[in-house]
N, C-alpha and C. Protein backbone atom coordinates (compact mmCIF):
# COMPACT_ATOMS: atom_id res chain seq x y z
N MET A 1 -9.12 -46.76 -37.06
CA MET A 1 -7.92 -46.28 -36.19
C MET A 1 -8.64 -46.21 -34.88
N ARG A 2 -8.00 -46.54 -33.88
CA ARG A 2 -8.41 -46.38 -32.34
C ARG A 2 -7.55 -45.47 -31.62
N LEU A 3 -7.97 -44.51 -31.22
CA LEU A 3 -7.37 -43.50 -30.20
C LEU A 3 -7.10 -44.06 -28.80
N ALA A 4 -6.06 -44.20 -28.39
CA ALA A 4 -5.83 -44.49 -26.95
C ALA A 4 -6.08 -43.32 -25.84
N ALA A 5 -6.94 -43.58 -24.92
CA ALA A 5 -7.05 -42.32 -24.01
C ALA A 5 -5.76 -42.29 -23.05
N ILE A 6 -5.33 -41.11 -22.83
CA ILE A 6 -4.04 -40.87 -21.91
C ILE A 6 -4.80 -40.59 -20.58
N VAL A 7 -4.32 -41.48 -19.83
CA VAL A 7 -4.77 -41.48 -18.22
C VAL A 7 -3.55 -41.18 -17.56
N SER A 8 -3.69 -40.03 -16.83
CA SER A 8 -2.67 -39.20 -15.98
C SER A 8 -2.66 -40.17 -14.67
N ARG A 9 -1.53 -40.36 -14.28
CA ARG A 9 -1.62 -41.23 -12.87
C ARG A 9 -1.61 -40.26 -11.80
N PRO A 10 -2.26 -40.33 -10.81
CA PRO A 10 -2.33 -39.29 -9.57
C PRO A 10 -1.09 -39.51 -8.84
N VAL A 11 -0.66 -38.31 -8.39
CA VAL A 11 0.51 -38.12 -7.73
C VAL A 11 0.39 -38.69 -6.29
N ALA A 12 1.18 -39.49 -5.83
CA ALA A 12 1.04 -40.01 -4.62
C ALA A 12 1.83 -39.12 -3.66
N ALA A 13 1.78 -39.13 -2.45
CA ALA A 13 2.19 -38.35 -1.36
C ALA A 13 3.88 -38.57 -1.35
N VAL A 14 4.08 -39.77 -1.73
CA VAL A 14 5.67 -40.31 -1.59
C VAL A 14 6.40 -39.74 -2.84
N ASP A 15 5.56 -39.19 -3.84
CA ASP A 15 6.27 -38.76 -5.08
C ASP A 15 6.78 -37.47 -4.76
N MET A 16 6.03 -36.70 -3.98
CA MET A 16 6.31 -35.16 -3.70
C MET A 16 7.39 -34.97 -2.82
N PRO A 17 8.09 -34.11 -3.05
CA PRO A 17 9.36 -33.85 -2.10
C PRO A 17 8.78 -33.29 -0.67
N LYS A 18 9.44 -33.59 0.21
CA LYS A 18 9.19 -33.35 1.57
C LYS A 18 9.92 -32.14 2.17
N PRO A 19 9.21 -31.09 2.54
CA PRO A 19 10.07 -29.98 2.99
C PRO A 19 10.92 -30.28 4.11
N ALA A 20 12.08 -29.36 3.90
CA ALA A 20 13.13 -29.75 4.85
C ALA A 20 12.57 -29.52 6.37
N ILE A 21 11.48 -28.57 6.57
CA ILE A 21 11.03 -28.39 7.90
C ILE A 21 9.61 -29.06 8.09
N ASP A 22 9.46 -29.98 8.85
CA ASP A 22 8.13 -30.63 9.16
C ASP A 22 7.31 -29.76 9.81
N VAL A 23 6.33 -28.89 9.16
CA VAL A 23 5.54 -27.74 9.82
C VAL A 23 4.56 -28.45 10.74
N ALA A 24 4.01 -29.69 10.50
CA ALA A 24 3.01 -30.24 11.71
C ALA A 24 3.81 -30.53 12.94
N ALA A 25 5.10 -31.06 12.84
CA ALA A 25 5.95 -31.07 13.98
C ALA A 25 6.09 -30.00 14.71
N GLU A 26 6.49 -29.04 14.00
CA GLU A 26 6.99 -27.63 14.47
C GLU A 26 5.60 -27.08 15.37
N ILE A 27 4.40 -27.30 14.82
CA ILE A 27 3.24 -26.60 15.56
C ILE A 27 3.00 -27.64 16.82
N GLU A 28 3.40 -28.76 16.85
CA GLU A 28 3.16 -29.65 18.12
C GLU A 28 4.27 -29.01 19.04
N ARG A 29 5.52 -28.99 18.41
CA ARG A 29 6.53 -28.58 19.42
C ARG A 29 6.25 -27.14 20.15
N LEU A 30 5.61 -26.08 19.18
CA LEU A 30 5.47 -24.74 19.64
C LEU A 30 4.45 -24.64 20.45
N SER A 31 3.37 -25.64 20.59
CA SER A 31 2.24 -25.61 21.47
C SER A 31 2.83 -25.96 22.99
N ALA A 32 3.92 -26.53 23.12
CA ALA A 32 4.37 -27.11 24.33
C ALA A 32 5.35 -25.86 25.17
N LEU A 33 5.65 -24.80 24.36
CA LEU A 33 6.50 -23.88 24.86
C LEU A 33 5.79 -22.87 25.63
N THR A 34 6.60 -22.29 26.54
CA THR A 34 6.05 -21.15 27.28
C THR A 34 5.99 -19.91 26.53
N LEU A 35 5.32 -19.03 27.03
CA LEU A 35 5.03 -17.56 26.38
C LEU A 35 6.65 -17.07 26.21
N PHE A 36 7.49 -17.08 27.22
CA PHE A 36 8.83 -16.63 27.29
C PHE A 36 9.85 -17.45 25.98
N GLU A 37 9.47 -18.46 26.02
CA GLU A 37 10.18 -19.32 24.82
C GLU A 37 9.67 -18.90 23.47
N LEU A 38 8.31 -18.79 23.59
CA LEU A 38 7.80 -18.42 22.31
C LEU A 38 8.46 -16.93 21.72
N ARG A 39 8.51 -16.13 22.65
CA ARG A 39 8.97 -14.78 22.26
C ARG A 39 10.38 -15.00 21.94
N MET A 40 11.21 -15.69 22.51
CA MET A 40 12.64 -16.16 22.16
C MET A 40 12.69 -16.56 20.66
N GLU A 41 11.76 -17.53 20.44
CA GLU A 41 11.71 -18.08 19.07
C GLU A 41 11.38 -17.03 18.03
N TRP A 42 10.45 -16.32 18.29
CA TRP A 42 10.12 -15.15 17.59
C TRP A 42 11.30 -14.39 17.13
N ARG A 43 12.17 -13.82 18.26
CA ARG A 43 13.17 -13.00 17.92
C ARG A 43 14.31 -13.81 17.12
N ARG A 44 14.42 -15.00 17.24
CA ARG A 44 15.39 -15.83 16.47
C ARG A 44 15.12 -15.91 14.94
N LEU A 45 13.67 -16.25 14.75
CA LEU A 45 13.35 -16.12 13.28
C LEU A 45 13.11 -15.05 12.70
N HIS A 46 12.44 -13.96 13.27
CA HIS A 46 12.14 -12.72 12.77
C HIS A 46 13.11 -11.59 12.80
N ARG A 47 14.10 -12.11 13.63
CA ARG A 47 15.38 -11.07 13.84
C ARG A 47 14.89 -9.60 14.49
N MET A 48 13.84 -9.72 15.38
CA MET A 48 13.29 -8.68 15.81
C MET A 48 12.58 -8.93 17.06
N GLN A 49 12.22 -7.89 17.99
CA GLN A 49 11.25 -8.19 19.13
C GLN A 49 9.90 -8.43 18.68
N PRO A 50 9.19 -9.47 19.29
CA PRO A 50 7.80 -9.43 18.86
C PRO A 50 6.95 -8.26 19.44
N PRO A 51 5.86 -8.02 18.55
CA PRO A 51 5.10 -6.82 19.29
C PRO A 51 4.65 -7.00 20.55
N MET A 52 4.59 -5.76 21.24
CA MET A 52 4.12 -6.01 22.70
C MET A 52 2.61 -6.51 22.92
N ARG A 53 2.43 -7.37 23.99
CA ARG A 53 1.17 -7.90 24.14
C ARG A 53 0.46 -8.90 23.04
N LEU A 54 1.33 -9.27 22.16
CA LEU A 54 0.84 -10.11 21.19
C LEU A 54 0.46 -11.57 21.94
N SER A 55 -0.51 -11.92 21.68
CA SER A 55 -1.31 -13.21 22.27
C SER A 55 -0.42 -14.35 21.66
N ARG A 56 -0.34 -15.44 22.80
CA ARG A 56 0.10 -16.68 22.42
C ARG A 56 -0.21 -17.25 21.14
N ASP A 57 -1.46 -17.21 20.70
CA ASP A 57 -1.77 -17.68 19.47
C ASP A 57 -1.16 -17.04 18.39
N LEU A 58 -1.13 -15.71 18.27
CA LEU A 58 -0.58 -14.87 17.41
C LEU A 58 1.05 -15.02 17.22
N LEU A 59 1.49 -15.34 18.38
CA LEU A 59 3.16 -15.66 18.20
C LEU A 59 3.11 -16.88 17.52
N ILE A 60 2.35 -17.84 17.98
CA ILE A 60 2.66 -19.10 17.24
C ILE A 60 2.41 -19.09 15.59
N ARG A 61 1.26 -18.43 15.36
CA ARG A 61 1.16 -18.28 13.94
C ARG A 61 2.19 -17.56 13.20
N GLY A 62 2.69 -16.53 13.93
CA GLY A 62 3.91 -15.74 13.19
C GLY A 62 5.12 -16.65 13.02
N ILE A 63 5.34 -17.53 13.93
CA ILE A 63 6.49 -18.49 13.88
C ILE A 63 6.14 -19.43 13.08
N ILE A 64 5.08 -20.03 12.93
CA ILE A 64 4.83 -21.01 11.95
C ILE A 64 4.85 -20.39 10.61
N TYR A 65 4.50 -19.09 10.36
CA TYR A 65 4.38 -18.49 9.00
C TYR A 65 5.89 -18.46 8.71
N LYS A 66 6.87 -18.11 9.37
CA LYS A 66 8.28 -18.07 9.26
C LYS A 66 8.91 -19.47 8.70
N PHE A 67 8.29 -20.44 9.51
CA PHE A 67 8.63 -21.82 9.16
C PHE A 67 8.10 -22.34 7.79
N GLN A 68 7.07 -22.02 7.48
CA GLN A 68 6.39 -22.18 6.24
C GLN A 68 7.10 -21.53 5.23
N GLU A 69 7.47 -20.32 5.38
CA GLU A 69 8.22 -19.40 4.29
C GLU A 69 9.72 -20.05 4.22
N ARG A 70 10.19 -20.53 5.01
CA ARG A 70 11.64 -21.06 4.95
C ARG A 70 11.39 -22.36 4.04
N ALA A 71 10.35 -23.38 4.44
CA ALA A 71 10.16 -24.46 3.76
C ALA A 71 9.63 -24.82 2.35
N LEU A 72 8.71 -23.62 2.07
CA LEU A 72 7.97 -23.62 0.96
C LEU A 72 8.17 -22.31 0.16
N GLY A 73 8.88 -21.44 0.74
CA GLY A 73 9.18 -20.16 -0.14
C GLY A 73 8.26 -19.07 0.29
N GLY A 74 8.59 -17.85 0.28
CA GLY A 74 7.83 -16.77 0.69
C GLY A 74 6.87 -16.19 -0.48
N LEU A 75 6.49 -14.91 -0.28
CA LEU A 75 5.52 -14.34 -1.21
C LEU A 75 6.33 -13.79 -2.44
N SER A 76 5.88 -13.79 -3.62
CA SER A 76 6.38 -13.43 -4.91
C SER A 76 6.82 -11.82 -4.61
N LYS A 77 7.57 -11.38 -5.55
CA LYS A 77 7.80 -9.91 -5.51
C LYS A 77 6.70 -9.17 -6.02
N SER A 78 6.02 -9.61 -6.87
CA SER A 78 4.72 -8.89 -7.33
C SER A 78 3.66 -8.72 -6.33
N LEU A 79 3.44 -9.75 -5.59
CA LEU A 79 2.57 -9.85 -4.41
C LEU A 79 3.16 -8.82 -3.41
N MET A 80 4.29 -8.78 -3.10
CA MET A 80 4.96 -8.01 -2.16
C MET A 80 4.65 -6.50 -2.68
N ARG A 81 4.93 -6.09 -3.80
CA ARG A 81 4.65 -4.84 -4.30
C ARG A 81 3.10 -4.46 -4.04
N LYS A 82 2.23 -5.25 -4.33
CA LYS A 82 0.88 -5.05 -4.16
C LYS A 82 0.50 -4.81 -2.67
N LEU A 83 1.17 -5.39 -1.65
CA LEU A 83 1.02 -5.26 -0.37
C LEU A 83 1.68 -4.15 0.31
N GLU A 84 2.80 -3.56 -0.58
CA GLU A 84 3.57 -2.37 0.15
C GLU A 84 2.56 -1.34 0.23
N PRO A 85 2.62 -0.68 1.36
CA PRO A 85 1.71 0.72 1.56
C PRO A 85 2.17 1.70 0.61
N ARG A 86 1.18 2.45 0.06
CA ARG A 86 1.36 3.38 -0.93
C ARG A 86 2.49 4.58 -0.51
N GLY A 87 2.51 4.79 0.64
CA GLY A 87 3.54 5.75 1.16
C GLY A 87 4.76 5.45 1.47
N ALA A 88 5.00 3.94 1.46
CA ALA A 88 6.28 3.50 1.91
C ALA A 88 7.17 3.89 0.83
N ALA A 89 8.48 3.89 1.22
CA ALA A 89 9.65 4.03 0.09
C ALA A 89 9.96 2.76 -0.54
N PRO A 90 10.17 2.70 -1.85
CA PRO A 90 10.40 1.64 -2.61
C PRO A 90 11.68 1.05 -2.06
N GLN A 91 11.85 -0.27 -2.15
CA GLN A 91 13.28 -1.10 -1.58
C GLN A 91 14.22 -0.83 -2.55
N ASP A 92 14.20 -0.27 -3.61
CA ASP A 92 15.27 -0.49 -4.58
C ASP A 92 16.22 0.88 -4.18
N GLY A 93 15.82 1.60 -3.19
CA GLY A 93 16.82 2.81 -2.64
C GLY A 93 16.46 4.07 -3.48
N HIS A 94 15.73 4.15 -4.17
CA HIS A 94 15.14 5.49 -5.08
C HIS A 94 14.09 6.06 -4.26
N ALA A 95 14.25 6.63 -3.23
CA ALA A 95 13.09 7.38 -2.34
C ALA A 95 12.33 8.45 -3.19
N ARG A 96 11.06 8.31 -3.22
CA ARG A 96 10.22 9.32 -3.97
C ARG A 96 10.17 10.66 -2.90
N LYS A 97 10.32 11.84 -3.53
CA LYS A 97 10.31 12.97 -2.66
C LYS A 97 8.81 13.56 -3.10
N PRO A 98 8.19 13.91 -1.93
CA PRO A 98 6.99 14.50 -1.92
C PRO A 98 6.91 15.95 -2.67
N ALA A 99 5.87 16.13 -3.24
CA ALA A 99 5.81 17.34 -3.95
C ALA A 99 5.82 18.56 -2.74
N PRO A 100 6.39 19.53 -3.18
CA PRO A 100 6.49 20.69 -2.28
C PRO A 100 5.05 21.37 -2.14
N PRO A 101 4.77 21.83 -0.73
CA PRO A 101 3.32 22.36 -0.48
C PRO A 101 3.18 23.69 -1.14
N ILE A 102 1.97 23.71 -1.60
CA ILE A 102 1.27 24.86 -2.40
C ILE A 102 1.11 25.75 -1.42
N THR A 103 1.56 26.97 -1.45
CA THR A 103 1.40 28.21 -0.69
C THR A 103 0.97 29.24 -1.36
N LEU A 104 -0.29 29.85 -1.18
CA LEU A 104 -0.66 30.91 -1.98
C LEU A 104 -0.95 32.11 -1.01
N LYS A 105 -0.47 33.37 -1.40
CA LYS A 105 -0.84 34.56 -0.72
C LYS A 105 -2.11 34.96 -0.79
N PRO A 106 -2.92 35.23 0.41
CA PRO A 106 -4.17 35.85 0.36
C PRO A 106 -4.18 36.94 -0.79
N GLY A 107 -5.33 37.11 -1.47
CA GLY A 107 -5.43 38.04 -2.42
C GLY A 107 -5.16 37.61 -3.99
N THR A 108 -4.40 36.43 -4.02
CA THR A 108 -3.90 35.76 -5.33
C THR A 108 -5.31 35.55 -5.94
N ARG A 109 -5.29 35.65 -7.61
CA ARG A 109 -6.30 35.15 -8.36
C ARG A 109 -5.86 34.10 -9.22
N LEU A 110 -6.60 33.14 -9.30
CA LEU A 110 -6.32 31.99 -10.26
C LEU A 110 -7.38 31.98 -11.39
N VAL A 111 -6.84 31.88 -12.62
CA VAL A 111 -7.72 31.82 -13.61
C VAL A 111 -7.77 30.53 -14.53
N ARG A 112 -8.83 29.93 -14.65
CA ARG A 112 -8.76 28.64 -15.45
C ARG A 112 -9.88 28.76 -16.49
N GLU A 113 -9.60 28.41 -17.77
CA GLU A 113 -10.84 28.30 -18.63
C GLU A 113 -11.08 26.61 -18.80
N TRP A 114 -12.45 26.39 -18.70
CA TRP A 114 -13.04 24.97 -18.71
C TRP A 114 -14.14 25.15 -19.58
N HIS A 115 -14.16 24.36 -20.82
CA HIS A 115 -15.24 24.37 -21.71
C HIS A 115 -15.86 25.50 -22.13
N GLY A 116 -14.87 26.46 -22.38
CA GLY A 116 -15.10 27.70 -23.02
C GLY A 116 -15.58 28.74 -21.86
N VAL A 117 -15.64 28.33 -20.87
CA VAL A 117 -16.05 29.47 -19.60
C VAL A 117 -14.79 29.62 -18.54
N THR A 118 -14.52 31.03 -18.51
CA THR A 118 -13.52 31.47 -17.64
C THR A 118 -13.95 31.42 -16.17
N HIS A 119 -13.12 30.71 -15.50
CA HIS A 119 -13.39 30.68 -13.99
C HIS A 119 -12.24 31.43 -13.41
N THR A 120 -12.64 32.26 -12.30
CA THR A 120 -11.71 33.06 -11.45
C THR A 120 -12.01 32.79 -10.14
N VAL A 121 -10.86 32.40 -9.35
CA VAL A 121 -10.85 32.04 -7.99
C VAL A 121 -9.89 33.08 -7.16
N LEU A 122 -10.39 33.50 -6.13
CA LEU A 122 -9.74 34.67 -5.20
C LEU A 122 -9.31 33.68 -4.00
N VAL A 123 -8.24 33.83 -3.65
CA VAL A 123 -7.60 33.03 -2.50
C VAL A 123 -7.77 33.96 -1.23
N TYR A 124 -8.01 33.41 -0.15
CA TYR A 124 -8.06 33.95 1.15
C TYR A 124 -7.26 33.14 2.17
N ALA A 125 -6.79 33.62 3.28
CA ALA A 125 -6.14 33.12 4.18
C ALA A 125 -6.85 31.71 4.62
N ASP A 126 -8.19 31.65 4.68
CA ASP A 126 -8.84 30.47 5.36
C ASP A 126 -9.79 29.60 4.19
N GLY A 127 -9.45 29.99 3.12
CA GLY A 127 -10.11 29.38 1.74
C GLY A 127 -10.10 30.03 0.70
N VAL A 128 -11.01 29.71 -0.23
CA VAL A 128 -10.91 30.61 -1.60
C VAL A 128 -12.57 31.01 -1.86
N GLU A 129 -12.65 31.90 -2.84
CA GLU A 129 -13.92 32.43 -3.17
C GLU A 129 -14.01 32.08 -4.72
N TRP A 130 -15.18 31.61 -5.05
CA TRP A 130 -15.54 31.42 -6.60
C TRP A 130 -16.99 31.61 -6.73
N LYS A 131 -17.23 32.42 -7.87
CA LYS A 131 -18.71 32.91 -7.97
C LYS A 131 -19.38 33.47 -6.86
N GLY A 132 -18.54 34.13 -6.00
CA GLY A 132 -19.29 34.86 -4.81
C GLY A 132 -19.54 34.09 -3.52
N ARG A 133 -19.17 32.72 -3.73
CA ARG A 133 -19.18 31.77 -2.57
C ARG A 133 -17.89 31.26 -2.24
N ARG A 134 -17.75 31.16 -0.86
CA ARG A 134 -16.45 30.65 -0.09
C ARG A 134 -16.31 29.22 -0.06
N TYR A 135 -15.32 28.56 -0.12
CA TYR A 135 -15.01 27.20 -0.30
C TYR A 135 -13.74 26.98 0.44
N GLN A 136 -13.51 25.70 1.13
CA GLN A 136 -12.61 25.35 2.12
C GLN A 136 -11.19 25.08 1.12
N SER A 137 -11.33 24.57 0.13
CA SER A 137 -10.14 24.23 -0.75
C SER A 137 -10.33 24.45 -2.12
N LEU A 138 -9.24 24.46 -2.99
CA LEU A 138 -9.38 24.56 -4.53
C LEU A 138 -9.98 23.26 -5.17
N SER A 139 -9.74 22.01 -4.44
CA SER A 139 -10.28 20.88 -4.89
C SER A 139 -11.72 20.85 -4.75
N VAL A 140 -12.47 21.50 -3.95
CA VAL A 140 -13.95 21.73 -3.98
C VAL A 140 -14.45 22.58 -5.01
N VAL A 141 -13.64 23.47 -5.34
CA VAL A 141 -13.97 24.43 -6.60
C VAL A 141 -13.67 23.53 -7.82
N ALA A 142 -12.89 23.05 -8.00
CA ALA A 142 -12.50 22.06 -9.12
C ALA A 142 -13.61 21.07 -9.39
N ARG A 143 -14.03 20.53 -8.15
CA ARG A 143 -15.13 19.51 -8.33
C ARG A 143 -16.51 20.23 -8.77
N GLU A 144 -16.80 21.28 -8.30
CA GLU A 144 -17.85 21.96 -8.61
C GLU A 144 -17.83 22.46 -10.10
N ILE A 145 -16.60 22.88 -10.55
CA ILE A 145 -16.48 23.22 -12.19
C ILE A 145 -16.66 21.91 -12.93
N THR A 146 -16.04 21.08 -12.67
CA THR A 146 -15.86 19.89 -13.38
C THR A 146 -16.97 18.66 -13.43
N GLY A 147 -17.51 18.62 -12.17
CA GLY A 147 -18.48 17.75 -11.74
C GLY A 147 -17.51 16.22 -11.47
N ALA A 148 -16.52 16.19 -11.46
CA ALA A 148 -15.64 15.13 -11.31
C ALA A 148 -14.71 15.52 -10.18
N HIS A 149 -13.99 14.45 -9.61
CA HIS A 149 -13.05 14.62 -8.47
C HIS A 149 -11.68 15.03 -8.99
N TRP A 150 -11.29 16.24 -8.84
CA TRP A 150 -9.99 16.76 -9.35
C TRP A 150 -9.24 17.41 -8.19
N SER A 151 -7.88 17.14 -8.42
CA SER A 151 -6.84 17.93 -7.56
C SER A 151 -7.11 19.27 -7.73
N GLY A 152 -7.39 20.13 -6.93
CA GLY A 152 -7.61 21.63 -7.02
C GLY A 152 -6.22 22.24 -7.57
N PRO A 153 -5.13 22.10 -6.94
CA PRO A 153 -3.91 22.55 -7.46
C PRO A 153 -3.50 22.04 -8.71
N ARG A 154 -3.87 20.88 -9.18
CA ARG A 154 -3.50 20.29 -10.56
C ARG A 154 -4.47 21.10 -11.36
N PHE A 155 -5.66 21.09 -11.01
CA PHE A 155 -6.92 21.82 -12.00
C PHE A 155 -6.47 23.15 -12.48
N PHE A 156 -5.89 23.94 -11.47
CA PHE A 156 -5.63 25.47 -11.62
C PHE A 156 -3.93 25.60 -11.97
N GLY A 157 -3.25 24.55 -12.46
CA GLY A 157 -2.11 24.44 -13.08
C GLY A 157 -0.98 24.62 -11.94
N LEU A 158 -1.26 24.59 -10.86
CA LEU A 158 -0.18 24.88 -9.70
C LEU A 158 0.68 23.64 -9.63
N ARG A 159 0.36 22.45 -10.02
CA ARG A 159 1.02 21.20 -9.95
C ARG A 159 0.99 20.57 -11.35
N SER A 160 2.06 20.11 -11.85
CA SER A 160 2.04 19.39 -13.11
C SER A 160 1.75 18.04 -12.92
N ARG A 161 1.26 17.15 -14.14
CA ARG A 161 0.98 16.01 -13.98
C ARG A 161 2.04 14.98 -13.35
N SER A 162 3.25 15.29 -13.90
CA SER A 162 4.41 14.30 -13.43
C SER A 162 4.65 14.43 -11.98
N ALA A 163 4.48 15.55 -11.39
CA ALA A 163 4.70 15.75 -9.99
C ALA A 163 3.56 15.01 -9.11
N VAL A 164 2.46 15.14 -9.54
CA VAL A 164 1.42 14.43 -9.04
C VAL A 164 1.56 13.02 -9.15
N SER A 165 2.00 12.26 -10.29
CA SER A 165 1.97 10.95 -10.32
C SER A 165 3.25 10.50 -9.60
N GLU A 166 4.36 11.31 -9.37
CA GLU A 166 5.44 10.91 -8.66
C GLU A 166 4.98 10.67 -7.12
N ILE A 167 4.11 11.46 -6.60
CA ILE A 167 3.73 11.09 -5.31
C ILE A 167 2.82 10.02 -5.19
N GLY A 168 2.06 9.52 -6.23
CA GLY A 168 1.19 8.52 -6.25
C GLY A 168 -0.21 8.94 -6.09
N ASP A 169 -0.48 10.10 -5.61
CA ASP A 169 -1.90 10.36 -5.68
C ASP A 169 -2.13 11.96 -5.89
N ALA A 170 -3.30 12.46 -6.17
CA ALA A 170 -3.69 13.79 -6.22
C ALA A 170 -3.99 14.34 -5.09
N GLU A 171 -3.42 15.51 -4.68
CA GLU A 171 -3.54 16.04 -3.45
C GLU A 171 -4.73 16.86 -3.57
N SER A 172 -5.43 16.93 -2.25
CA SER A 172 -6.45 17.94 -2.19
C SER A 172 -6.24 19.31 -1.66
């Protein structure tokens, strides 16, 4: 019995659907426009003013990107989430609320047990004291105690785990 090899036929350029917008022709057309006309084209496509003092080259690149986006599709939602800045509010309308700031009155004592050892920190107006030494923040003390990067307020129980995870990062 003889097995026949399956040979795939290479896809010719004529088989592929042609985008509605010819990007190469648009590049050629844009290179002939004045800076004023490029700025008008940017406003038309992006629905906003172009950034001030944007070079001709970058204007053309931004315009071409919009053409390609329309012809070939934009970025996926998952990639957009990855590119979204950490501090930006999500686009679904549920804005995250930042955790309220921690304010401790001078003279406050914080006590935490870590690996069987009780640690006491005294709060001052300009920092904290632990084992007779002054530190700028609770996070520095937490790092000294644990040997790892910890949020000082979280380590000393001033901020819950869920409150920290809601804002996306541990505060120093």
